[in-house]
Amino acid sequence: MNFYLVTFIIVSILVGAGGTYKFFASHRMISAVIFLIGSIAIFIFYGIRWFGKAGTPFNSAPVHWPPYINMCPDYLTYFKRGSGTSTVDTCIDRIGVSRNNRLDVFPASGTPPSDDKYYFPLATASQDPVSKRNELCMRTVEYGLTWEGVSDGETCYSIEGTGGAIIPTAATGCPSV
């Protein structure tokens, strides 16, 4: 039996009925009805939020953040470089977000330049998720970028998705600060 849920239900009834009674006792009928409807809505919302599915504060399943990691670092645009069968997945900077100018702003002319300084490569040497993520993190820091769920621009985030940062060391494959 979930004692938190039982306590929540009892408190919800006492607050909802008590507040409504106070408004009725002072002859403020419209306020009493508004309070009753509002308190029911609020308690239902938080009841579902807290006691609904796994991953809530009173359940043991962790909530992973971010729920989805973007294809490219923050504010970059995906760009398939090359033509025909020889294409490479890259990202381009269209607004100038690189803090150390390692990645140049992609020209607005529409003609893709051949110089590598305009492209953030997405290809990695390893297919292992941990190694792949660490390599992308190192590249993100090297290019002076941030990437939600991968790097804050200085450290790497843990792969289990709890949002915690890994202290950068040579063992994790993440750059040192």
C-alpha atoms as a PDB file:
ATOM      1  CA  MET A   1       0.000   0.000   0.000  1.00  0.00           C
ATOM      2  CA  ASN A   2       1.349   3.395  -0.973  1.00  0.00           C
ATOM      3  CA  PHE A   3       1.084   5.562   2.141  1.00  0.00           C
ATOM      4  CA  TYR A   4       2.117   8.650   0.184  1.00  0.00           C
ATOM      5  CA  LEU A   5      -0.932   8.207  -2.062  1.00  0.00           C
ATOM      6  CA  VAL A   6      -3.269   7.698   0.914  1.00  0.00           C
ATOM      7  CA  THR A   7      -1.852  10.793   2.624  1.00  0.00           C
ATOM      8  CA  PHE A   8      -2.203  12.788  -0.606  1.00  0.00           C
ATOM      9  CA  ILE A   9      -5.869  11.781  -0.968  1.00  0.00           C
ATOM     10  CA  ILE A  10      -6.693  12.687   2.645  1.00  0.00           C
ATOM     11  CA  VAL A  11      -4.940  16.065   2.399  1.00  0.00           C
ATOM     12  CA  SER A  12      -6.662  16.746  -0.938  1.00  0.00           C
ATOM     13  CA  ILE A  13     -10.104  16.069   0.547  1.00  0.00           C
ATOM     14  CA  LEU A  14      -9.420  18.168   3.650  1.00  0.00           C
ATOM     15  CA  VAL A  15      -8.040  21.129   1.710  1.00  0.00           C
ATOM     16  CA  GLY A  16     -10.719  20.997  -1.005  1.00  0.00           C
ATOM     17  CA  ALA A  17     -13.663  20.555   1.386  1.00  0.00           C
ATOM     18  CA  GLY A  18     -12.252  22.893   4.040  1.00  0.00           C
ATOM     19  CA  GLY A  19     -11.572  25.756   1.646  1.00  0.00           C
ATOM     20  CA  THR A  20     -14.940  25.367  -0.035  1.00  0.00           C
ATOM     21  CA  TYR A  21     -16.701  25.322   3.348  1.00  0.00           C
ATOM     22  CA  LYS A  22     -14.928  28.542   4.406  1.00  0.00           C
ATOM     23  CA  PHE A  23     -16.134  30.329   1.285  1.00  0.00           C
ATOM     24  CA  PHE A  24     -19.701  29.001   1.715  1.00  0.00           C
ATOM     25  CA  ALA A  25     -19.721  30.000   5.389  1.00  0.00           C
ATOM     26  CA  SER A  26     -18.829  33.575   4.463  1.00  0.00           C
ATOM     27  CA  HIS A  27     -21.620  33.599   1.820  1.00  0.00           C
ATOM     28  CA  ARG A  28     -19.259  33.824  -1.149  1.00  0.00           C
ATOM     29  CA  MET A  29     -20.905  31.177  -3.322  1.00  0.00           C
ATOM     30  CA  ILE A  30     -19.125  31.958  -6.620  1.00  0.00           C
ATOM     31  CA  SER A  31     -15.744  31.925  -4.879  1.00  0.00           C
ATOM     32  CA  ALA A  32     -16.620  28.592  -3.250  1.00  0.00           C
ATOM     33  CA  VAL A  33     -17.490  27.009  -6.611  1.00  0.00           C
ATOM     34  CA  ILE A  34     -14.345  28.408  -8.276  1.00  0.00           C
ATOM     35  CA  PHE A  35     -12.199  27.192  -5.366  1.00  0.00           C
ATOM     36  CA  LEU A  36     -13.759  23.710  -5.495  1.00  0.00           C
ATOM     37  CA  ILE A  37     -13.253  23.358  -9.256  1.00  0.00           C
ATOM     38  CA  GLY A  38      -9.703  24.756  -9.074  1.00  0.00           C
ATOM     39  CA  SER A  39      -8.641  22.560  -6.171  1.00  0.00           C
ATOM     40  CA  ILE A  40     -10.051  19.448  -7.865  1.00  0.00           C
ATOM     41  CA  ALA A  41      -8.143  20.302 -11.062  1.00  0.00           C
ATOM     42  CA  ILE A  42      -4.892  20.968  -9.199  1.00  0.00           C
ATOM     43  CA  PHE A  43      -5.107  17.813  -7.075  1.00  0.00           C
ATOM     44  CA  ILE A  44      -5.933  15.645 -10.088  1.00  0.00           C
ATOM     45  CA  PHE A  45      -3.012  17.138 -12.028  1.00  0.00           C
ATOM     46  CA  TYR A  46      -0.496  16.538  -9.234  1.00  0.00           C
ATOM     47  CA  GLY A  47      -2.009  13.156  -8.374  1.00  0.00           C
ATOM     48  CA  ILE A  48      -1.468  11.938 -11.917  1.00  0.00           C
ATOM     49  CA  ARG A  49       1.951  13.570 -12.082  1.00  0.00           C
ATOM     50  CA  TRP A  50       3.221  12.074  -8.824  1.00  0.00           C
ATOM     51  CA  PHE A  51       1.419   8.747  -8.662  1.00  0.00           C
ATOM     52  CA  GLY A  52       0.794   7.901 -12.297  1.00  0.00           C
ATOM     53  CA  LYS A  53       3.509   6.057 -14.218  1.00  0.00           C
ATOM     54  CA  ALA A  54       7.015   4.934 -13.316  1.00  0.00           C
ATOM     55  CA  GLY A  55       9.658   7.640 -13.291  1.00  0.00           C
ATOM     56  CA  THR A  56       7.798   9.940 -10.928  1.00  0.00           C
ATOM     57  CA  PRO A  57       9.138  11.248  -7.589  1.00  0.00           C
ATOM     58  CA  PHE A  58       7.537   8.465  -5.535  1.00  0.00           C
ATOM     59  CA  ASN A  59       8.502   5.633  -7.895  1.00  0.00           C
ATOM     60  CA  SER A  60      11.971   4.136  -8.353  1.00  0.00           C
ATOM     61  CA  ALA A  61      12.467   4.344 -12.139  1.00  0.00           C
ATOM     62  CA  PRO A  62      14.873   7.148 -13.120  1.00  0.00           C
ATOM     63  CA  VAL A  63      13.836   9.936 -15.454  1.00  0.00           C
ATOM     64  CA  HIS A  64      16.292  10.240 -18.345  1.00  0.00           C
ATOM     65  CA  TRP A  65      17.294  13.685 -19.526  1.00  0.00           C
ATOM     66  CA  PRO A  66      17.297  14.768 -22.218  1.00  0.00           C
ATOM     67  CA  PRO A  67      14.657  12.410 -23.557  1.00  0.00           C
ATOM     68  CA  TYR A  68      16.145  12.737 -27.042  1.00  0.00           C
ATOM     69  CA  ILE A  69      19.613  13.854 -28.147  1.00  0.00           C
ATOM     70  CA  ASN A  70      19.612  15.974 -31.289  1.00  0.00           C
ATOM     71  CA  MET A  71      21.446  14.949 -34.436  1.00  0.00           C
ATOM     72  CA  CYS A  72      23.744  17.988 -34.248  1.00  0.00           C
ATOM     73  CA  PRO A  73      25.164  20.205 -31.508  1.00  0.00           C
ATOM     74  CA  ASP A  74      23.028  23.092 -30.297  1.00  0.00           C
ATOM     75  CA  TYR A  75      22.066  25.609 -33.016  1.00  0.00           C
ATOM     76  CA  LEU A  76      23.836  23.700 -35.806  1.00  0.00           C
ATOM     77  CA  THR A  77      22.037  22.365 -38.889  1.00  0.00           C
ATOM     78  CA  TYR A  78      22.406  18.876 -40.334  1.00  0.00           C
ATOM     79  CA  PHE A  79      24.098  18.858 -43.738  1.00  0.00           C
ATOM     80  CA  LYS A  80      24.858  15.835 -45.949  1.00  0.00           C
ATOM     81  CA  ARG A  81      28.207  16.706 -47.519  1.00  0.00           C
ATOM     82  CA  GLY A  82      29.164  15.251 -50.879  1.00  0.00           C
ATOM     83  CA  SER A  83      27.165  13.861 -53.759  1.00  0.00           C
ATOM     84  CA  GLY A  84      25.981  10.528 -55.050  1.00  0.00           C
ATOM     85  CA  THR A  85      27.205   7.534 -53.080  1.00  0.00           C
ATOM     86  CA  SER A  86      30.085   9.370 -51.361  1.00  0.00           C
ATOM     87  CA  THR A  87      28.269  11.459 -48.779  1.00  0.00           C
ATOM     88  CA  VAL A  88      29.314  12.316 -45.239  1.00  0.00           C
ATOM     89  CA  ASP A  89      27.007  13.319 -42.381  1.00  0.00           C
ATOM     90  CA  THR A  90      28.034  16.727 -41.021  1.00  0.00           C
ATOM     91  CA  CYS A  91      26.575  19.753 -39.286  1.00  0.00           C
ATOM     92  CA  ILE A  92      27.003  23.368 -40.310  1.00  0.00           C
ATOM     93  CA  ASP A  93      26.957  26.602 -38.360  1.00  0.00           C
ATOM     94  CA  ARG A  94      24.648  29.111 -40.023  1.00  0.00           C
ATOM     95  CA  ILE A  95      24.638  31.753 -37.255  1.00  0.00           C
ATOM     96  CA  GLY A  96      28.132  31.720 -35.695  1.00  0.00           C
ATOM     97  CA  VAL A  97      27.866  29.913 -32.341  1.00  0.00           C
ATOM     98  CA  SER A  98      31.394  28.485 -32.140  1.00  0.00           C
ATOM     99  CA  ARG A  99      33.094  30.146 -29.157  1.00  0.00           C
ATOM    100  CA  ASN A 100      36.649  29.585 -30.375  1.00  0.00           C
ATOM    101  CA  ASN A 101      36.025  30.158 -34.114  1.00  0.00           C
ATOM    102  CA  ARG A 102      37.087  26.581 -34.897  1.00  0.00           C
ATOM    103  CA  LEU A 103      33.930  26.241 -37.010  1.00  0.00           C
ATOM    104  CA  ASP A 104      33.349  29.016 -39.518  1.00  0.00           C
ATOM    105  CA  VAL A 105      29.900  30.321 -40.410  1.00  0.00           C
ATOM    106  CA  PHE A 106      28.522  28.570 -43.473  1.00  0.00           C
ATOM    107  CA  PRO A 107      28.247  31.026 -46.386  1.00  0.00           C
ATOM    108  CA  ALA A 108      24.752  32.179 -47.285  1.00  0.00           C
ATOM    109  CA  SER A 109      25.571  32.086 -51.009  1.00  0.00           C
ATOM    110  CA  GLY A 110      24.154  28.565 -51.319  1.00  0.00           C
ATOM    111  CA  THR A 111      27.282  27.045 -52.850  1.00  0.00           C
ATOM    112  CA  PRO A 112      28.753  24.504 -50.416  1.00  0.00           C
ATOM    113  CA  PRO A 113      32.447  25.244 -49.834  1.00  0.00           C
ATOM    114  CA  SER A 114      34.989  22.424 -50.008  1.00  0.00           C
ATOM    115  CA  ASP A 115      37.014  23.611 -47.006  1.00  0.00           C
ATOM    116  CA  ASP A 116      36.643  21.482 -43.823  1.00  0.00           C
ATOM    117  CA  LYS A 117      36.520  24.566 -41.581  1.00  0.00           C
ATOM    118  CA  TYR A 118      32.778  24.921 -42.355  1.00  0.00           C
ATOM    119  CA  TYR A 119      31.767  21.389 -41.301  1.00  0.00           C
ATOM    120  CA  PHE A 120      31.333  19.586 -37.977  1.00  0.00           C
ATOM    121  CA  PRO A 121      31.853  15.869 -38.764  1.00  0.00           C
ATOM    122  CA  LEU A 122      29.456  13.352 -37.167  1.00  0.00           C
ATOM    123  CA  ALA A 123      31.389  10.213 -38.132  1.00  0.00           C
ATOM    124  CA  THR A 124      33.170   8.439 -35.259  1.00  0.00           C
ATOM    125  CA  ALA A 125      35.888   5.783 -35.169  1.00  0.00           C
ATOM    126  CA  SER A 126      33.911   3.468 -32.857  1.00  0.00           C
ATOM    127  CA  GLN A 127      30.390   2.060 -32.923  1.00  0.00           C
ATOM    128  CA  ASP A 128      30.347   1.462 -29.150  1.00  0.00           C
ATOM    129  CA  PRO A 129      27.799   3.934 -27.670  1.00  0.00           C
ATOM    130  CA  VAL A 130      30.076   5.059 -24.829  1.00  0.00           C
ATOM    131  CA  SER A 131      33.145   5.540 -27.046  1.00  0.00           C
ATOM    132  CA  LYS A 132      31.063   7.203 -29.746  1.00  0.00           C
ATOM    133  CA  ARG A 133      29.521   9.637 -27.276  1.00  0.00           C
ATOM    134  CA  ASN A 134      32.900  10.457 -25.715  1.00  0.00           C
ATOM    135  CA  GLU A 135      34.400  11.109 -29.140  1.00  0.00           C
ATOM    136  CA  LEU A 136      31.521  13.433 -30.054  1.00  0.00           C
ATOM    137  CA  CYS A 137      31.905  15.172 -26.703  1.00  0.00           C
ATOM    138  CA  MET A 138      35.615  15.758 -27.290  1.00  0.00           C
ATOM    139  CA  ARG A 139      34.866  17.123 -30.745  1.00  0.00           C
ATOM    140  CA  THR A 140      32.120  19.391 -29.367  1.00  0.00           C
ATOM    141  CA  VAL A 141      34.504  20.906 -26.812  1.00  0.00           C
ATOM    142  CA  GLU A 142      37.263  21.203 -29.428  1.00  0.00           C
ATOM    143  CA  TYR A 143      34.941  23.159 -31.735  1.00  0.00           C
ATOM    144  CA  GLY A 144      33.747  25.463 -28.920  1.00  0.00           C
ATOM    145  CA  LEU A 145      30.140  24.250 -28.996  1.00  0.00           C
ATOM    146  CA  THR A 146      27.517  22.872 -26.610  1.00  0.00           C
ATOM    147  CA  TRP A 147      25.329  19.833 -27.179  1.00  0.00           C
ATOM    148  CA  GLU A 148      22.368  19.137 -24.900  1.00  0.00           C
ATOM    149  CA  GLY A 149      22.826  15.676 -23.391  1.00  0.00           C
ATOM    150  CA  VAL A 150      26.407  15.277 -24.622  1.00  0.00           C
ATOM    151  CA  SER A 151      28.468  18.240 -23.421  1.00  0.00           C
ATOM    152  CA  ASP A 152      28.064  21.637 -21.833  1.00  0.00           C
ATOM    153  CA  GLY A 153      31.094  22.884 -23.735  1.00  0.00           C
ATOM    154  CA  GLU A 154      33.535  21.970 -20.946  1.00  0.00           C
ATOM    155  CA  THR A 155      32.541  18.543 -19.565  1.00  0.00           C
ATOM    156  CA  CYS A 156      30.797  15.412 -20.781  1.00  0.00           C
ATOM    157  CA  TYR A 157      27.459  14.150 -19.509  1.00  0.00           C
ATOM    158  CA  SER A 158      27.070  10.589 -18.296  1.00  0.00           C
ATOM    159  CA  ILE A 159      25.593   8.130 -20.774  1.00  0.00           C
ATOM    160  CA  GLU A 160      23.010   6.679 -18.355  1.00  0.00           C
ATOM    161  CA  GLY A 161      20.984   9.828 -18.954  1.00  0.00           C
ATOM    162  CA  THR A 162      20.551  11.053 -15.401  1.00  0.00           C
ATOM    163  CA  GLY A 163      21.936  14.439 -16.389  1.00  0.00           C
ATOM    164  CA  GLY A 164      25.048  14.156 -14.222  1.00  0.00           C
ATOM    165  CA  ALA A 165      28.350  15.382 -15.581  1.00  0.00           C
ATOM    166  CA  ILE A 166      31.381  13.121 -15.815  1.00  0.00           C
ATOM    167  CA  ILE A 167      34.568  14.596 -14.448  1.00  0.00           C
ATOM    168  CA  PRO A 168      36.757  14.741 -17.538  1.00  0.00           C
ATOM    169  CA  THR A 169      39.740  12.383 -17.420  1.00  0.00           C
ATOM    170  CA  ALA A 170      41.811  10.444 -19.877  1.00  0.00           C
ATOM    171  CA  ALA A 171      40.075   7.227 -18.711  1.00  0.00           C
ATOM    172  CA  THR A 172      36.614   8.454 -19.781  1.00  0.00           C
ATOM    173  CA  GLY A 173      37.941   9.717 -23.102  1.00  0.00           C
ATOM    174  CA  CYS A 174      36.560  13.136 -22.285  1.00  0.00           C
ATOM    175  CA  PRO A 175      38.745  16.225 -22.465  1.00  0.00           C
ATOM    176  CA  SER A 176      40.187  17.719 -19.331  1.00  0.00           C
ATOM    177  CA  VAL A 177      39.089  21.187 -18.360  1.00  0.00           C
END
